[in-house]
Amino acid sequence: MPDTGTSELVRMWIDGWVVSRGSSDPIDEPWGWTIDVGRPHHVARHVMPEPSEPAVREIVAATSAPGTWLKLFAEERAVLPWVGPGWRCDVPGFLMTCHLAPERVEAPAGYTLTRWARGGVSRVLVRTGAGHFAARGQIARAGAHAVVDQVETAPEHRRKGLGALVMRALQSDAHEAGARTGLLVGTPEGRALYSALGWTTRSPMTSLWYAPADTAA
């Protein structure tokens, strides 16, 4: 997707993310989108594909609800000076894309793979032979693209290829459902895995949430 701009990619990511999480439809704003998530520590999020200092400062000044998040597609060092006390920084994120294609999927010895889909979301679960949780992930389709979400591997099962197994299964399922472009926002740790699987980094993302001192605990 060499000609697709950051704003369009972020909107594509949002379209799949809201399906994956079951949140509200995104509300158009002059600077991006607002999404109601409705969880105690994640009430809503403001997503800005091209954050500017005036817009960020306006949102910060108007925010009083703990659990409000900012998703700013820019380097942390550029946007942190624009927020004040009470805003806390999550791990850095990276918006990534890939071309989806059929994948060979086979669980390694000692593990089982379960796959199912419901409500536009395909899920993958990896367990040990004894049924213990090992890894999981999900992917939500939105038209011709799909968004990978909530990929995790249990600490005791890492470095065994299970993350790659989950990703290949998700990518293949999304392709079979008709999607051709994959999107995700990965952590620094996940970025290495995704890059090895053919994903391309398109933008950094800074993630902040509002937790003033009297509610941080």
Protein backbone atom coordinates (compact mmCIF):
# COMPACT_ATOMS: atom_id res chain seq x y z
CA MET A 1 0.00 0.00 0.00
CA PRO A 2 2.72 2.50 -0.94
CA ASP A 3 0.33 5.34 -1.87
CA THR A 4 -1.96 5.16 1.15
CA GLY A 5 -1.49 8.06 3.59
CA THR A 6 -1.35 7.79 7.35
CA SER A 7 -4.81 9.28 7.88
CA GLU A 8 -6.44 6.72 5.58
CA LEU A 9 -4.51 3.85 7.16
CA VAL A 10 -5.51 4.96 10.65
CA ARG A 11 -9.16 5.11 9.61
CA MET A 12 -8.87 1.59 8.19
CA TRP A 13 -7.35 0.41 11.46
CA ILE A 14 -10.14 2.06 13.46
CA ASP A 15 -12.82 0.44 11.28
CA GLY A 16 -11.53 -3.01 12.20
CA TRP A 17 -10.66 -2.19 15.81
CA VAL A 18 -14.21 -1.13 16.69
CA VAL A 19 -15.51 -4.43 15.29
CA SER A 20 -12.91 -6.37 17.27
CA ARG A 21 -13.67 -4.60 20.55
CA GLY A 22 -17.41 -4.02 20.09
CA SER A 23 -17.06 -0.31 20.77
CA SER A 24 -19.07 2.59 19.35
CA ASP A 25 -18.80 3.79 15.78
CA PRO A 26 -16.05 6.42 15.45
CA ILE A 27 -17.24 10.03 15.65
CA ASP A 28 -15.63 12.34 13.09
CA GLU A 29 -13.68 15.24 14.58
CA PRO A 30 -11.72 18.04 12.85
CA TRP A 31 -8.49 16.38 14.03
CA GLY A 32 -9.47 12.69 13.76
CA TRP A 33 -12.00 10.51 15.61
CA THR A 34 -13.49 9.88 19.04
CA ILE A 35 -14.54 6.36 20.04
CA ASP A 36 -16.62 5.40 23.09
CA VAL A 37 -15.15 2.21 24.52
CA GLY A 38 -17.18 2.04 27.73
CA ARG A 39 -14.78 0.30 30.12
CA PRO A 40 -13.88 1.59 33.62
CA HIS A 41 -10.25 2.28 32.73
CA HIS A 42 -10.86 2.94 29.04
CA VAL A 43 -13.94 5.11 28.82
CA ALA A 44 -13.18 6.70 25.46
CA ARG A 45 -10.29 7.34 23.11
CA HIS A 46 -9.35 10.22 20.82
CA VAL A 47 -7.42 9.12 17.74
CA MET A 48 -5.30 11.66 15.87
CA PRO A 49 -3.53 10.48 12.68
CA GLU A 50 -1.64 13.79 12.29
CA PRO A 51 -1.57 15.37 15.76
CA SER A 52 -0.98 19.10 16.09
CA GLU A 53 -0.06 20.95 19.27
CA PRO A 54 -3.19 23.19 19.34
CA ALA A 55 -5.54 20.23 18.87
CA VAL A 56 -3.83 18.07 21.50
CA ARG A 57 -3.76 20.92 24.01
CA GLU A 58 -7.46 21.60 23.39
CA ILE A 59 -8.37 17.96 24.08
CA VAL A 60 -6.17 17.83 27.18
CA ALA A 61 -7.72 21.02 28.56
CA ALA A 62 -11.23 19.63 28.05
CA THR A 63 -10.53 16.23 29.62
CA SER A 64 -11.63 15.54 33.19
CA ALA A 65 -12.65 11.85 33.00
CA PRO A 66 -10.05 9.31 34.12
CA GLY A 67 -9.69 6.53 31.59
CA THR A 68 -9.69 8.85 28.58
CA TRP A 69 -7.03 7.80 26.08
CA LEU A 70 -5.12 9.60 23.36
CA LYS A 71 -3.79 7.68 20.36
CA LEU A 72 -1.38 10.02 18.59
CA PHE A 73 0.37 8.84 15.45
CA ALA A 74 3.68 10.57 16.07
CA GLU A 75 6.90 10.03 18.01
CA GLU A 76 6.58 10.23 21.79
CA ARG A 77 9.22 12.94 22.10
CA ALA A 78 7.24 15.19 19.74
CA VAL A 79 3.88 15.04 21.52
CA LEU A 80 4.68 14.56 25.22
CA PRO A 81 5.45 18.27 25.74
CA TRP A 82 1.85 19.04 24.68
CA VAL A 83 0.20 17.20 27.58
CA GLY A 84 0.32 18.10 31.26
CA PRO A 85 0.04 16.44 34.67
CA GLY A 86 -2.12 13.36 34.96
CA TRP A 87 -1.37 11.96 31.51
CA ARG A 88 0.51 8.67 31.58
CA CYS A 89 2.41 7.04 28.74
CA ASP A 90 1.82 3.48 27.60
CA VAL A 91 4.39 1.42 25.64
CA PRO A 92 5.13 2.80 22.16
CA GLY A 93 3.08 1.46 19.27
CA PHE A 94 3.70 0.99 15.56
CA LEU A 95 1.06 1.03 12.84
CA MET A 96 1.88 -1.81 10.44
CA THR A 97 0.36 -3.26 7.26
CA CYS A 98 0.77 -6.37 5.15
CA HIS A 99 -0.67 -8.04 2.08
CA LEU A 100 -2.81 -10.97 3.18
CA ALA A 101 -2.40 -14.36 1.54
CA PRO A 102 -3.20 -18.00 2.29
CA GLU A 103 -0.80 -19.38 4.90
CA ARG A 104 0.30 -22.87 5.87
CA VAL A 105 -0.87 -23.40 9.45
CA GLU A 106 0.23 -26.34 11.56
CA ALA A 107 0.54 -26.48 15.35
CA PRO A 108 3.88 -27.77 16.66
CA ALA A 109 4.04 -31.02 18.59
CA GLY A 110 2.47 -30.74 22.03
CA TYR A 111 -0.02 -28.02 21.07
CA THR A 112 -3.52 -27.84 19.60
CA LEU A 113 -4.99 -25.05 17.47
CA THR A 114 -8.65 -24.01 17.59
CA ARG A 115 -10.19 -21.44 15.20
CA TRP A 116 -13.67 -19.94 15.09
CA ALA A 117 -15.46 -16.82 13.82
CA ARG A 118 -18.43 -14.82 15.03
CA GLY A 119 -19.72 -11.32 14.36
CA GLY A 120 -17.03 -10.45 11.84
CA VAL A 121 -14.19 -11.49 14.17
CA SER A 122 -12.04 -14.60 13.67
CA ARG A 123 -10.26 -16.00 16.71
CA VAL A 124 -7.37 -18.37 17.20
CA LEU A 125 -6.54 -20.26 20.40
CA VAL A 126 -3.46 -22.39 21.05
CA ARG A 127 -3.46 -24.78 24.00
CA THR A 128 -1.16 -27.47 25.34
CA GLY A 129 -2.09 -31.11 25.05
CA ALA A 130 -3.42 -30.85 28.61
CA GLY A 131 -5.64 -27.92 27.62
CA HIS A 132 -3.62 -25.12 29.21
CA PHE A 133 -3.65 -21.68 27.56
CA ALA A 134 -0.58 -21.00 25.42
CA ALA A 135 -1.44 -18.24 22.88
CA ARG A 136 -4.31 -16.41 21.25
CA GLY A 137 -5.28 -13.63 18.87
CA GLN A 138 -8.16 -12.26 16.83
CA ILE A 139 -8.70 -10.43 13.56
CA ALA A 140 -11.70 -8.28 12.57
CA ARG A 141 -12.69 -7.78 8.98
CA ALA A 142 -13.87 -4.40 7.68
CA GLY A 143 -14.46 -4.68 3.95
CA ALA A 144 -11.30 -5.49 2.03
CA HIS A 145 -9.05 -5.09 5.06
CA ALA A 146 -8.76 -6.73 8.44
CA VAL A 147 -7.26 -5.67 11.76
CA VAL A 148 -5.23 -7.97 14.00
CA ASP A 149 -5.89 -7.45 17.70
CA GLN A 150 -5.06 -8.84 21.15
CA VAL A 151 -2.31 -11.25 20.16
CA GLU A 152 -0.62 -12.72 23.22
CA THR A 153 1.51 -15.69 24.24
CA ALA A 154 1.78 -17.01 27.78
CA PRO A 155 5.27 -16.27 29.18
CA GLU A 156 6.11 -19.93 29.67
CA HIS A 157 5.31 -20.70 26.02
CA ARG A 158 7.23 -17.91 24.31
CA ARG A 159 10.02 -18.47 21.78
CA LYS A 160 8.35 -21.61 20.49
CA GLY A 161 6.85 -20.16 17.32
CA LEU A 162 3.35 -19.83 18.72
CA GLY A 163 3.06 -16.09 18.00
CA ALA A 164 3.92 -16.74 14.35
CA LEU A 165 1.44 -19.62 14.29
CA VAL A 166 -1.36 -17.38 15.58
CA MET A 167 -0.53 -14.64 13.09
CA ARG A 168 -0.43 -16.98 10.10
CA ALA A 169 -3.75 -18.51 11.10
CA LEU A 170 -5.37 -15.09 11.51
CA GLN A 171 -3.97 -13.80 8.23
CA SER A 172 -5.13 -16.89 6.37
CA ASP A 173 -8.61 -16.76 7.89
CA ALA A 174 -9.00 -13.08 6.96
CA HIS A 175 -7.85 -13.77 3.40
CA GLU A 176 -10.34 -16.62 3.09
CA ALA A 177 -13.08 -14.23 4.28
CA GLY A 178 -12.21 -11.79 1.48
CA ALA A 179 -9.79 -9.32 3.09
CA ARG A 180 -6.59 -8.46 1.24
CA THR A 181 -4.85 -5.93 3.49
CA GLY A 182 -3.93 -6.50 7.12
CA LEU A 183 -3.38 -3.74 9.68
CA LEU A 184 -2.32 -3.72 13.31
CA VAL A 185 -0.70 -1.58 15.97
CA GLY A 186 2.13 -3.54 17.55
CA THR A 187 4.40 -3.10 20.55
CA PRO A 188 8.18 -2.87 20.17
CA GLU A 189 8.39 -6.55 21.11
CA GLY A 190 5.68 -7.58 18.66
CA ARG A 191 7.14 -5.43 15.89
CA ALA A 192 10.09 -7.82 15.47
CA LEU A 193 7.77 -10.80 15.00
CA TYR A 194 5.47 -8.97 12.60
CA SER A 195 8.38 -7.65 10.53
CA ALA A 196 9.71 -11.20 10.17
CA LEU A 197 6.28 -12.22 8.86
CA GLY A 198 6.31 -9.55 6.14
CA TRP A 199 4.59 -6.64 7.89
CA THR A 200 5.74 -3.08 7.11
CA THR A 201 5.90 -0.27 9.68
CA ARG A 202 3.94 2.75 8.50
CA SER A 203 3.85 5.12 11.51
CA PRO A 204 4.82 5.35 15.17
CA MET A 205 2.02 5.76 17.70
CA THR A 206 2.12 7.36 21.13
CA SER A 207 -0.51 6.08 23.56
CA LEU A 208 -1.51 8.15 26.60
CA TRP A 209 -4.24 7.84 29.18
CA TYR A 210 -5.59 10.27 31.76
CA ALA A 211 -5.14 9.16 35.37
CA PRO A 212 -4.77 12.12 37.74
CA ALA A 213 -2.89 11.45 40.97
CA ASP A 214 -6.00 11.02 43.10
CA THR A 215 -7.32 8.22 40.84
CA ALA A 216 -4.09 6.55 39.70
CA ALA A 217 -4.34 3.81 42.32
